Amino acid sequence: NNLLSHVQNIFFTKHLYMAVVTATTNSTQFQTVHDLFDLIAYALNHN
């Protein structure tokens, strides 16, 4: 969110999608990355 606040004036007119995941003890490296891409795909599907 801090990063977005610094650059929001540059990307104000663009359709920008962002998702964030955090590594947890219950997920593997693959699962963490896969979940991240699932979140972006969901955001794209639902605009």
All heavy atoms as atom14 arrays in JSON, in Angstrom:
{
  "sequence": "NNLLSHVQNIFFTKHLYMAVVTATTNSTQFQTVHDLFDLIAYALNHN",
  "atom14_mask": [
    [1, 1, 1, 1, 1, 1, 1, 1, 0, 0, 0, 0, 0, 0],
    [1, 1, 1, 1, 1, 1, 1, 1, 0, 0, 0, 0, 0, 0],
    [1, 1, 1, 1, 1, 1, 1, 1, 0, 0, 0, 0, 0, 0],
    [1, 1, 1, 1, 1, 1, 1, 1, 0, 0, 0, 0, 0, 0],
    [1, 1, 1, 1, 1, 1, 0, 0, 0, 0, 0, 0, 0, 0],
    [1, 1, 1, 1, 1, 1, 1, 1, 1, 1, 0, 0, 0, 0],
    [1, 1, 1, 1, 1, 1, 1, 0, 0, 0, 0, 0, 0, 0],
    [1, 1, 1, 1, 1, 1, 1, 1, 1, 0, 0, 0, 0, 0],
    [1, 1, 1, 1, 1, 1, 1, 1, 0, 0, 0, 0, 0, 0],
    [1, 1, 1, 1, 1, 1, 1, 1, 0, 0, 0, 0, 0, 0],
    [1, 1, 1, 1, 1, 1, 1, 1, 1, 1, 1, 0, 0, 0],
    [1, 1, 1, 1, 1, 1, 1, 1, 1, 1, 1, 0, 0, 0],
    [1, 1, 1, 1, 1, 1, 1, 0, 0, 0, 0, 0, 0, 0],
    [1, 1, 1, 1, 1, 1, 1, 1, 1, 0, 0, 0, 0, 0],
    [1, 1, 1, 1, 1, 1, 1, 1, 1, 1, 0, 0, 0, 0],
    [1, 1, 1, 1, 1, 1, 1, 1, 0, 0, 0, 0, 0, 0],
    [1, 1, 1, 1, 1, 1, 1, 1, 1, 1, 1, 1, 0, 0],
    [1, 1, 1, 1, 1, 1, 1, 1, 0, 0, 0, 0, 0, 0],
    [1, 1, 1, 1, 1, 0, 0, 0, 0, 0, 0, 0, 0, 0],
    [1, 1, 1, 1, 1, 1, 1, 0, 0, 0, 0, 0, 0, 0],
    [1, 1, 1, 1, 1, 1, 1, 0, 0, 0, 0, 0, 0, 0],
    [1, 1, 1, 1, 1, 1, 1, 0, 0, 0, 0, 0, 0, 0],
    [1, 1, 1, 1, 1, 0, 0, 0, 0, 0, 0, 0, 0, 0],
    [1, 1, 1, 1, 1, 1, 1, 0, 0, 0, 0, 0, 0, 0],
    [1, 1, 1, 1, 1, 1, 1, 0, 0, 0, 0, 0, 0, 0],
    [1, 1, 1, 1, 1, 1, 1, 1, 0, 0, 0, 0, 0, 0],
    [1, 1, 1, 1, 1, 1, 0, 0, 0, 0, 0, 0, 0, 0],
    [1, 1, 1, 1, 1, 1, 1, 0, 0, 0, 0, 0, 0, 0],
    [1, 1, 1, 1, 1, 1, 1, 1, 1, 0, 0, 0, 0, 0],
    [1, 1, 1, 1, 1, 1, 1, 1, 1, 1, 1, 0, 0, 0],
    [1, 1, 1, 1, 1, 1, 1, 1, 1, 0, 0, 0, 0, 0],
    [1, 1, 1, 1, 1, 1, 1, 0, 0, 0, 0, 0, 0, 0],
    [1, 1, 1, 1, 1, 1, 1, 0, 0, 0, 0, 0, 0, 0],
    [1, 1, 1, 1, 1, 1, 1, 1, 1, 1, 0, 0, 0, 0],
    [1, 1, 1, 1, 1, 1, 1, 1, 0, 0, 0, 0, 0, 0],
    [1, 1, 1, 1, 1, 1, 1, 1, 0, 0, 0, 0, 0, 0],
    [1, 1, 1, 1, 1, 1, 1, 1, 1, 1, 1, 0, 0, 0],
    [1, 1, 1, 1, 1, 1, 1, 1, 0, 0, 0, 0, 0, 0],
    [1, 1, 1, 1, 1, 1, 1, 1, 0, 0, 0, 0, 0, 0],
    [1, 1, 1, 1, 1, 1, 1, 1, 0, 0, 0, 0, 0, 0],
    [1, 1, 1, 1, 1, 0, 0, 0, 0, 0, 0, 0, 0, 0],
    [1, 1, 1, 1, 1, 1, 1, 1, 1, 1, 1, 1, 0, 0],
    [1, 1, 1, 1, 1, 0, 0, 0, 0, 0, 0, 0, 0, 0],
    [1, 1, 1, 1, 1, 1, 1, 1, 0, 0, 0, 0, 0, 0],
    [1, 1, 1, 1, 1, 1, 1, 1, 0, 0, 0, 0, 0, 0],
    [1, 1, 1, 1, 1, 1, 1, 1, 1, 1, 0, 0, 0, 0],
    [1, 1, 1, 1, 1, 1, 1, 1, 0, 0, 0, 0, 0, 0]
  ],
  "atom14_positions": [
    [[0.82, -1.22, 0.0], [0.0, 0.0, 0.0], [0.85, 1.26, 0.0], [0.53, 2.24, -0.68], [-0.95, 0.01, 1.19], [-2.16, -0.85, 0.96], [-2.59, -1.04, -0.16], [-2.7, -1.39, 2.04], [0.0, 0.0, 0.0], [0.0, 0.0, 0.0], [0.0, 0.0, 0.0], [0.0, 0.0, 0.0], [0.0, 0.0, 0.0], [0.0, 0.0, 0.0]],
    [[1.93, 1.26, 0.78], [2.84, 2.41, 0.77], [3.45, 2.62, -0.61], [3.58, 3.75, -1.07], [3.95, 2.23, 1.81], [3.45, 2.44, 3.22], [2.44, 3.08, 3.44], [4.17, 1.89, 4.17], [0.0, 0.0, 0.0], [0.0, 0.0, 0.0], [0.0, 0.0, 0.0], [0.0, 0.0, 0.0], [0.0, 0.0, 0.0], [0.0, 0.0, 0.0]],
    [[3.81, 1.53, -1.24], [4.38, 1.6, -2.58], [3.38, 2.19, -3.56], [3.72, 3.08, -4.35], [4.82, 0.2, -3.02], [5.59, 0.08, -4.31], [6.9, 0.84, -4.24], [5.85, -1.38, -4.62], [0.0, 0.0, 0.0], [0.0, 0.0, 0.0], [0.0, 0.0, 0.0], [0.0, 0.0, 0.0], [0.0, 0.0, 0.0], [0.0, 0.0, 0.0]],
    [[2.15, 1.74, -3.48], [1.11, 2.29, -4.35], [0.86, 3.77, -4.1], [0.63, 4.54, -5.04], [-0.19, 1.51, -4.19], [-0.28, 0.18, -4.91], [-1.6, -0.51, -4.63], [-0.1, 0.37, -6.41], [0.0, 0.0, 0.0], [0.0, 0.0, 0.0], [0.0, 0.0, 0.0], [0.0, 0.0, 0.0], [0.0, 0.0, 0.0], [0.0, 0.0, 0.0]],
    [[0.91, 4.17, -2.86], [0.66, 5.59, -2.56], [1.75, 6.49, -3.15], [1.48, 7.62, -3.52], [0.54, 5.81, -1.06], [1.77, 5.63, -0.42], [0.0, 0.0, 0.0], [0.0, 0.0, 0.0], [0.0, 0.0, 0.0], [0.0, 0.0, 0.0], [0.0, 0.0, 0.0], [0.0, 0.0, 0.0], [0.0, 0.0, 0.0], [0.0, 0.0, 0.0]],
    [[2.97, 5.97, -3.26], [4.06, 6.76, -3.84], [3.93, 6.9, -5.36], [4.41, 7.88, -5.92], [5.42, 6.13, -3.52], [5.84, 6.31, -2.1], [6.02, 7.54, -1.51], [6.11, 5.39, -1.13], [6.39, 7.39, -0.26], [6.44, 6.09, 0.01], [0.0, 0.0, 0.0], [0.0, 0.0, 0.0], [0.0, 0.0, 0.0], [0.0, 0.0, 0.0]],
    [[3.32, 5.92, -6.01], [3.29, 5.94, -7.48], [1.88, 6.09, -8.05], [1.7, 6.01, -9.26], [3.94, 4.65, -8.06], [5.39, 4.57, -7.67], [3.19, 3.41, -7.64], [0.0, 0.0, 0.0], [0.0, 0.0, 0.0], [0.0, 0.0, 0.0], [0.0, 0.0, 0.0], [0.0, 0.0, 0.0], [0.0, 0.0, 0.0], [0.0, 0.0, 0.0]],
    [[0.89, 6.34, -7.19], [-0.48, 6.39, -7.68], [-0.71, 7.5, -8.71], [-1.54, 7.34, -9.6], [-1.46, 6.52, -6.53], [-1.41, 7.82, -5.78], [-2.35, 7.8, -4.58], [-3.02, 6.81, -4.31], [-2.38, 8.91, -3.86], [0.0, 0.0, 0.0], [0.0, 0.0, 0.0], [0.0, 0.0, 0.0], [0.0, 0.0, 0.0], [0.0, 0.0, 0.0]],
    [[0.01, 8.59, -8.61], [-0.19, 9.66, -9.6], [0.31, 9.24, -10.98], [-0.2, 9.71, -11.99], [0.49, 10.96, -9.15], [1.98, 10.79, -8.96], [2.47, 9.69, -8.71], [2.71, 11.88, -9.05], [0.0, 0.0, 0.0], [0.0, 0.0, 0.0], [0.0, 0.0, 0.0], [0.0, 0.0, 0.0], [0.0, 0.0, 0.0], [0.0, 0.0, 0.0]],
    [[1.27, 8.33, -11.05], [1.78, 7.86, -12.34], [0.81, 6.87, -12.98], [0.59, 6.89, -14.18], [3.17, 7.2, -12.17], [4.17, 8.22, -11.64], [3.66, 6.58, -13.47], [5.48, 7.62, -11.19], [0.0, 0.0, 0.0], [0.0, 0.0, 0.0], [0.0, 0.0, 0.0], [0.0, 0.0, 0.0], [0.0, 0.0, 0.0], [0.0, 0.0, 0.0]],
    [[0.2, 6.01, -12.16], [-0.67, 4.95, -12.66], [-2.15, 5.24, -12.47], [-2.97, 4.34, -12.59], [-0.31, 3.63, -11.97], [1.08, 3.17, -12.26], [2.08, 3.29, -11.3], [1.41, 2.63, -13.49], [3.37, 2.87, -11.57], [2.7, 2.21, -13.76], [3.68, 2.33, -12.81], [0.0, 0.0, 0.0], [0.0, 0.0, 0.0], [0.0, 0.0, 0.0]],
    [[-2.49, 6.49, -12.21], [-3.87, 6.86, -11.9], [-4.84, 6.48, -13.02], [-5.95, 6.03, -12.76], [-3.96, 8.36, -11.6], [-5.33, 8.8, -11.21], [-5.85, 8.47, -9.97], [-6.11, 9.55, -12.07], [-7.12, 8.87, -9.6], [-7.38, 9.96, -11.71], [-7.89, 9.61, -10.47], [0.0, 0.0, 0.0], [0.0, 0.0, 0.0], [0.0, 0.0, 0.0]],
    [[-4.46, 6.65, -14.27], [-5.35, 6.39, -15.39], [-5.26, 4.96, -15.91], [-5.93, 4.61, -16.87], [-5.05, 7.35, -16.56], [-3.71, 7.14, -16.98], [-5.27, 8.79, -16.15], [0.0, 0.0, 0.0], [0.0, 0.0, 0.0], [0.0, 0.0, 0.0], [0.0, 0.0, 0.0], [0.0, 0.0, 0.0], [0.0, 0.0, 0.0], [0.0, 0.0, 0.0]],
    [[-4.45, 4.14, -15.3], [-4.24, 2.76, -15.75], [-5.05, 1.79, -14.88], [-5.36, 2.06, -13.73], [-2.76, 2.39, -15.64], [-1.82, 3.4, -16.26], [-1.25, 2.89, -17.53], [-0.19, 3.83, -18.07], [-0.6, 4.58, -19.19], [0.0, 0.0, 0.0], [0.0, 0.0, 0.0], [0.0, 0.0, 0.0], [0.0, 0.0, 0.0], [0.0, 0.0, 0.0]],
    [[-5.39, 0.66, -15.46], [-6.03, -0.42, -14.72], [-4.9, -1.23, -14.09], [-4.24, -2.02, -14.76], [-6.88, -1.29, -15.63], [-8.06, -0.57, -16.18], [-9.19, -0.32, -15.44], [-8.27, -0.02, -17.39], [-10.06, 0.34, -16.18], [-9.52, 0.55, -17.36], [0.0, 0.0, 0.0], [0.0, 0.0, 0.0], [0.0, 0.0, 0.0], [0.0, 0.0, 0.0]],
    [[-4.68, -1.03, -12.82], [-3.57, -1.64, -12.11], [-4.12, -2.69, -11.14], [-5.01, -2.42, -10.35], [-2.79, -0.58, -11.34], [-1.45, -0.96, -10.77], [-0.44, -1.22, -11.89], [-0.93, 0.16, -9.87], [0.0, 0.0, 0.0], [0.0, 0.0, 0.0], [0.0, 0.0, 0.0], [0.0, 0.0, 0.0], [0.0, 0.0, 0.0], [0.0, 0.0, 0.0]],
    [[-3.56, -3.89, -11.22], [-3.96, -4.99, -10.35], [-2.77, -5.37, -9.48], [-1.66, -5.51, -9.98], [-4.4, -6.2, -11.18], [-5.54, -5.9, -12.11], [-5.31, -5.39, -13.39], [-6.86, -6.11, -11.71], [-6.36, -5.1, -14.25], [-7.91, -5.82, -12.56], [-7.65, -5.32, -13.83], [-8.69, -5.03, -14.66], [0.0, 0.0, 0.0], [0.0, 0.0, 0.0]],
    [[-3.02, -5.55, -8.18], [-1.94, -5.94, -7.28], [-2.48, -6.94, -6.28], [-3.59, -6.79, -5.77], [-1.36, -4.74, -6.55], [-0.23, -5.09, -5.6], [0.41, -3.68, -4.68], [1.76, -3.2, -5.72], [0.0, 0.0, 0.0], [0.0, 0.0, 0.0], [0.0, 0.0, 0.0], [0.0, 0.0, 0.0], [0.0, 0.0, 0.0], [0.0, 0.0, 0.0]],
    [[-1.67, -7.95, -6.02], [-2.0, -8.94, -4.99], [-0.76, -9.17, -4.15], [0.37, -9.01, -4.63], [-2.45, -10.23, -5.64], [0.0, 0.0, 0.0], [0.0, 0.0, 0.0], [0.0, 0.0, 0.0], [0.0, 0.0, 0.0], [0.0, 0.0, 0.0], [0.0, 0.0, 0.0], [0.0, 0.0, 0.0], [0.0, 0.0, 0.0], [0.0, 0.0, 0.0]],
    [[-0.97, -9.54, -2.89], [0.14, -9.78, -1.97], [-0.11, -11.09, -1.24], [-1.22, -11.34, -0.77], [0.25, -8.63, -0.94], [1.41, -8.88, 0.02], [0.4, -7.29, -1.61], [0.0, 0.0, 0.0], [0.0, 0.0, 0.0], [0.0, 0.0, 0.0], [0.0, 0.0, 0.0], [0.0, 0.0, 0.0], [0.0, 0.0, 0.0], [0.0, 0.0, 0.0]],
    [[0.93, -11.91, -1.14], [0.89, -13.12, -0.32], [2.13, -13.14, 0.56], [3.15, -12.54, 0.23], [0.82, -14.42, -1.16], [-0.46, -14.5, -1.94], [2.02, -14.56, -2.05], [0.0, 0.0, 0.0], [0.0, 0.0, 0.0], [0.0, 0.0, 0.0], [0.0, 0.0, 0.0], [0.0, 0.0, 0.0], [0.0, 0.0, 0.0], [0.0, 0.0, 0.0]],
    [[2.01, -13.84, 1.66], [3.12, -13.98, 2.6], [3.4, -15.45, 2.79], [2.47, -16.27, 2.88], [2.77, -13.33, 3.95], [2.47, -11.94, 3.72], [3.91, -13.43, 4.93], [0.0, 0.0, 0.0], [0.0, 0.0, 0.0], [0.0, 0.0, 0.0], [0.0, 0.0, 0.0], [0.0, 0.0, 0.0], [0.0, 0.0, 0.0], [0.0, 0.0, 0.0]],
    [[4.66, -15.81, 2.84], [5.05, -17.19, 3.07], [4.58, -17.64, 4.45], [4.71, -16.9, 5.43], [6.56, -17.33, 2.96], [0.0, 0.0, 0.0], [0.0, 0.0, 0.0], [0.0, 0.0, 0.0], [0.0, 0.0, 0.0], [0.0, 0.0, 0.0], [0.0, 0.0, 0.0], [0.0, 0.0, 0.0], [0.0, 0.0, 0.0], [0.0, 0.0, 0.0]],
    [[4.01, -18.82, 4.5], [3.56, -19.38, 5.77], [4.15, -20.78, 5.93], [4.58, -21.39, 4.96], [2.02, -19.48, 5.84], [1.58, -20.42, 4.85], [1.36, -18.14, 5.62], [0.0, 0.0, 0.0], [0.0, 0.0, 0.0], [0.0, 0.0, 0.0], [0.0, 0.0, 0.0], [0.0, 0.0, 0.0], [0.0, 0.0, 0.0], [0.0, 0.0, 0.0]],
    [[4.14, -21.26, 7.14], [4.7, -22.59, 7.4], [3.85, -23.69, 6.78], [4.31, -24.81, 6.59], [4.82, -22.85, 8.91], [3.56, -22.63, 9.52], [5.86, -21.94, 9.53], [0.0, 0.0, 0.0], [0.0, 0.0, 0.0], [0.0, 0.0, 0.0], [0.0, 0.0, 0.0], [0.0, 0.0, 0.0], [0.0, 0.0, 0.0], [0.0, 0.0, 0.0]],
    [[2.6, -23.38, 6.44], [1.69, -24.38, 5.86], [1.8, -24.48, 4.34], [1.18, -25.35, 3.75], [0.25, -24.06, 6.23], [0.03, -24.07, 7.72], [0.79, -24.67, 8.45], [-1.01, -23.4, 8.17], [0.0, 0.0, 0.0], [0.0, 0.0, 0.0], [0.0, 0.0, 0.0], [0.0, 0.0, 0.0], [0.0, 0.0, 0.0], [0.0, 0.0, 0.0]],
    [[2.54, -23.59, 3.71], [2.58, -23.61, 2.25], [4.02, -23.74, 1.74], [4.96, -23.25, 2.35], [1.93, -22.36, 1.67], [2.65, -21.21, 2.02], [0.0, 0.0, 0.0], [0.0, 0.0, 0.0], [0.0, 0.0, 0.0], [0.0, 0.0, 0.0], [0.0, 0.0, 0.0], [0.0, 0.0, 0.0], [0.0, 0.0, 0.0], [0.0, 0.0, 0.0]],
    [[4.13, -24.38, 0.62], [5.43, -24.53, -0.03], [5.72, -23.29, -0.86], [4.85, -22.45, -1.05], [5.44, -25.76, -0.94], [4.49, -25.55, -2.0], [5.12, -27.03, -0.18], [0.0, 0.0, 0.0], [0.0, 0.0, 0.0], [0.0, 0.0, 0.0], [0.0, 0.0, 0.0], [0.0, 0.0, 0.0], [0.0, 0.0, 0.0], [0.0, 0.0, 0.0]],
    [[6.91, -23.23, -1.37], [7.31, -22.12, -2.24], [6.4, -22.1, -3.47], [5.92, -21.04, -3.87], [8.76, -22.34, -2.64], [9.36, -21.35, -3.57], [10.82, -21.72, -3.85], [11.43, -22.52, -3.16], [11.37, -21.14, -4.89], [0.0, 0.0, 0.0], [0.0, 0.0, 0.0], [0.0, 0.0, 0.0], [0.0, 0.0, 0.0], [0.0, 0.0, 0.0]],
    [[6.15, -23.26, -4.06], [5.27, -23.34, -5.22], [3.87, -22.86, -4.88], [3.27, -22.09, -5.62], [5.21, -24.78, -5.77], [4.16, -24.94, -6.83], [4.43, -24.56, -8.14], [2.9, -25.45, -6.53], [3.46, -24.69, -9.13], [1.94, -25.58, -7.5], [2.22, -25.2, -8.8], [0.0, 0.0, 0.0], [0.0, 0.0, 0.0], [0.0, 0.0, 0.0]],
    [[3.34, -23.31, -3.74], [1.98, -22.94, -3.36], [1.84, -21.45, -3.11], [0.85, -20.83, -3.48], [1.53, -23.72, -2.12], [0.06, -23.54, -1.8], [-0.84, -24.07, -2.9], [-0.64, -25.18, -3.38], [-1.8, -23.28, -3.31], [0.0, 0.0, 0.0], [0.0, 0.0, 0.0], [0.0, 0.0, 0.0], [0.0, 0.0, 0.0], [0.0, 0.0, 0.0]],
    [[2.85, -20.84, -2.51], [2.83, -19.41, -2.26], [2.74, -18.63, -3.56], [1.91, -17.72, -3.71], [4.1, -18.99, -1.47], [4.14, -19.71, -0.24], [4.11, -17.5, -1.19], [0.0, 0.0, 0.0], [0.0, 0.0, 0.0], [0.0, 0.0, 0.0], [0.0, 0.0, 0.0], [0.0, 0.0, 0.0], [0.0, 0.0, 0.0], [0.0, 0.0, 0.0]],
    [[3.58, -18.98, -4.53], [3.57, -18.31, -5.83], [2.28, -18.6, -6.58], [1.68, -17.7, -7.19], [4.82, -18.71, -6.66], [4.72, -18.2, -8.08], [6.08, -18.2, -5.97], [0.0, 0.0, 0.0], [0.0, 0.0, 0.0], [0.0, 0.0, 0.0], [0.0, 0.0, 0.0], [0.0, 0.0, 0.0], [0.0, 0.0, 0.0], [0.0, 0.0, 0.0]],
    [[1.81, -19.83, -6.51], [0.56, -20.21, -7.19], [-0.62, -19.41, -6.63], [-1.46, -18.92, -7.4], [0.33, -21.72, -7.02], [-0.87, -22.23, -7.74], [-0.88, -22.4, -9.11], [-2.1, -22.57, -7.29], [-2.07, -22.85, -9.47], [-2.82, -22.96, -8.39], [0.0, 0.0, 0.0], [0.0, 0.0, 0.0], [0.0, 0.0, 0.0], [0.0, 0.0, 0.0]],
    [[-0.68, -19.27, -5.31], [-1.75, -18.48, -4.69], [-1.72, -17.03, -5.15], [-2.76, -16.4, -5.36], [-1.65, -18.53, -3.16], [-1.98, -19.91, -2.6], [-2.52, -20.75, -3.33], [-1.68, -20.12, -1.4], [0.0, 0.0, 0.0], [0.0, 0.0, 0.0], [0.0, 0.0, 0.0], [0.0, 0.0, 0.0], [0.0, 0.0, 0.0], [0.0, 0.0, 0.0]],
    [[-0.52, -16.49, -5.3], [-0.36, -15.11, -5.76], [-0.95, -14.93, -7.15], [-1.7, -13.99, -7.41], [1.12, -14.74, -5.75], [1.49, -13.32, -6.16], [0.88, -12.31, -5.2], [3.01, -13.18, -6.18], [0.0, 0.0, 0.0], [0.0, 0.0, 0.0], [0.0, 0.0, 0.0], [0.0, 0.0, 0.0], [0.0, 0.0, 0.0], [0.0, 0.0, 0.0]],
    [[-0.64, -15.85, -8.05], [-1.18, -15.77, -9.4], [-2.68, -16.02, -9.43], [-3.4, -15.44, -10.25], [-0.43, -16.73, -10.34], [0.86, -16.15, -10.84], [2.02, -16.24, -10.09], [0.91, -15.49, -12.07], [3.21, -15.7, -10.55], [2.09, -14.95, -12.53], [3.24, -15.05, -11.77], [0.0, 0.0, 0.0], [0.0, 0.0, 0.0], [0.0, 0.0, 0.0]],
    [[-3.18, -16.87, -8.53], [-4.63, -17.07, -8.42], [-5.34, -15.78, -8.03], [-6.41, -15.46, -8.55], [-4.95, -18.15, -7.39], [-4.78, -19.56, -7.93], [-4.61, -19.72, -9.15], [-4.82, -20.5, -7.1], [0.0, 0.0, 0.0], [0.0, 0.0, 0.0], [0.0, 0.0, 0.0], [0.0, 0.0, 0.0], [0.0, 0.0, 0.0], [0.0, 0.0, 0.0]],
    [[-4.75, -15.02, -7.11], [-5.34, -13.76, -6.69], [-5.42, -12.75, -7.84], [-6.42, -12.06, -8.0], [-4.56, -13.17, -5.51], [-4.72, -13.88, -4.17], [-3.72, -13.34, -3.16], [-6.14, -13.74, -3.67], [0.0, 0.0, 0.0], [0.0, 0.0, 0.0], [0.0, 0.0, 0.0], [0.0, 0.0, 0.0], [0.0, 0.0, 0.0], [0.0, 0.0, 0.0]],
    [[-4.35, -12.66, -8.63], [-4.36, -11.75, -9.78], [-5.37, -12.21, -10.82], [-6.11, -11.4, -11.39], [-2.94, -11.62, -10.39], [-2.04, -10.82, -9.46], [-3.0, -10.97, -11.77], [-2.37, -9.33, -9.35], [0.0, 0.0, 0.0], [0.0, 0.0, 0.0], [0.0, 0.0, 0.0], [0.0, 0.0, 0.0], [0.0, 0.0, 0.0], [0.0, 0.0, 0.0]],
    [[-5.43, -13.52, -11.08], [-6.39, -14.03, -12.04], [-7.83, -13.74, -11.58], [-8.68, -13.36, -12.39], [-6.2, -15.54, -12.24], [0.0, 0.0, 0.0], [0.0, 0.0, 0.0], [0.0, 0.0, 0.0], [0.0, 0.0, 0.0], [0.0, 0.0, 0.0], [0.0, 0.0, 0.0], [0.0, 0.0, 0.0], [0.0, 0.0, 0.0], [0.0, 0.0, 0.0]],
    [[-8.09, -13.89, -10.3], [-9.41, -13.57, -9.75], [-9.72, -12.08, -9.95], [-10.83, -11.72, -10.36], [-9.47, -13.94, -8.27], [-10.81, -13.66, -7.64], [-11.83, -14.59, -7.72], [-11.06, -12.45, -6.98], [-13.08, -14.33, -7.16], [-12.29, -12.19, -6.42], [-13.31, -13.13, -6.5], [-14.54, -12.88, -5.96], [0.0, 0.0, 0.0], [0.0, 0.0, 0.0]],
    [[-8.75, -11.24, -9.66], [-8.95, -9.79, -9.83], [-9.22, -9.45, -11.29], [-10.07, -8.61, -11.58], [-7.74, -9.03, -9.32], [0.0, 0.0, 0.0], [0.0, 0.0, 0.0], [0.0, 0.0, 0.0], [0.0, 0.0, 0.0], [0.0, 0.0, 0.0], [0.0, 0.0, 0.0], [0.0, 0.0, 0.0], [0.0, 0.0, 0.0], [0.0, 0.0, 0.0]],
    [[-8.51, -10.09, -12.2], [-8.74, -9.83, -13.62], [-10.12, -10.31, -14.06], [-10.82, -9.61, -14.8], [-7.67, -10.53, -14.46], [-6.29, -9.89, -14.45], [-5.26, -10.82, -15.07], [-6.32, -8.56, -15.19], [0.0, 0.0, 0.0], [0.0, 0.0, 0.0], [0.0, 0.0, 0.0], [0.0, 0.0, 0.0], [0.0, 0.0, 0.0], [0.0, 0.0, 0.0]],
    [[-10.52, -11.5, -13.61], [-11.83, -12.04, -13.97], [-12.98, -11.18, -13.46], [-14.03, -11.1, -14.09], [-11.99, -13.47, -13.43], [-11.3, -14.48, -14.3], [-11.22, -14.33, -15.51], [-10.78, -15.51, -13.67], [0.0, 0.0, 0.0], [0.0, 0.0, 0.0], [0.0, 0.0, 0.0], [0.0, 0.0, 0.0], [0.0, 0.0, 0.0], [0.0, 0.0, 0.0]],
    [[-12.77, -10.54, -12.32], [-13.84, -9.75, -11.69], [-13.59, -8.25, -11.78], [-14.26, -7.47, -11.1], [-14.01, -10.19, -10.24], [-14.49, -11.59, -10.13], [-13.64, -12.68, -10.09], [-15.74, -12.11, -10.12], [-14.33, -13.79, -10.01], [-15.64, -13.49, -10.03], [0.0, 0.0, 0.0], [0.0, 0.0, 0.0], [0.0, 0.0, 0.0], [0.0, 0.0, 0.0]],
    [[-12.62, -7.85, -12.59], [-12.32, -6.45, -12.83], [-12.12, -5.67, -11.53], [-12.7, -4.61, -11.31], [-13.4, -5.8, -13.68], [-12.89, -4.54, -14.35], [-11.69, -4.38, -14.57], [-13.79, -3.63, -14.67], [0.0, 0.0, 0.0], [0.0, 0.0, 0.0], [0.0, 0.0, 0.0], [0.0, 0.0, 0.0], [0.0, 0.0, 0.0], [0.0, 0.0, 0.0]]
  ]
}
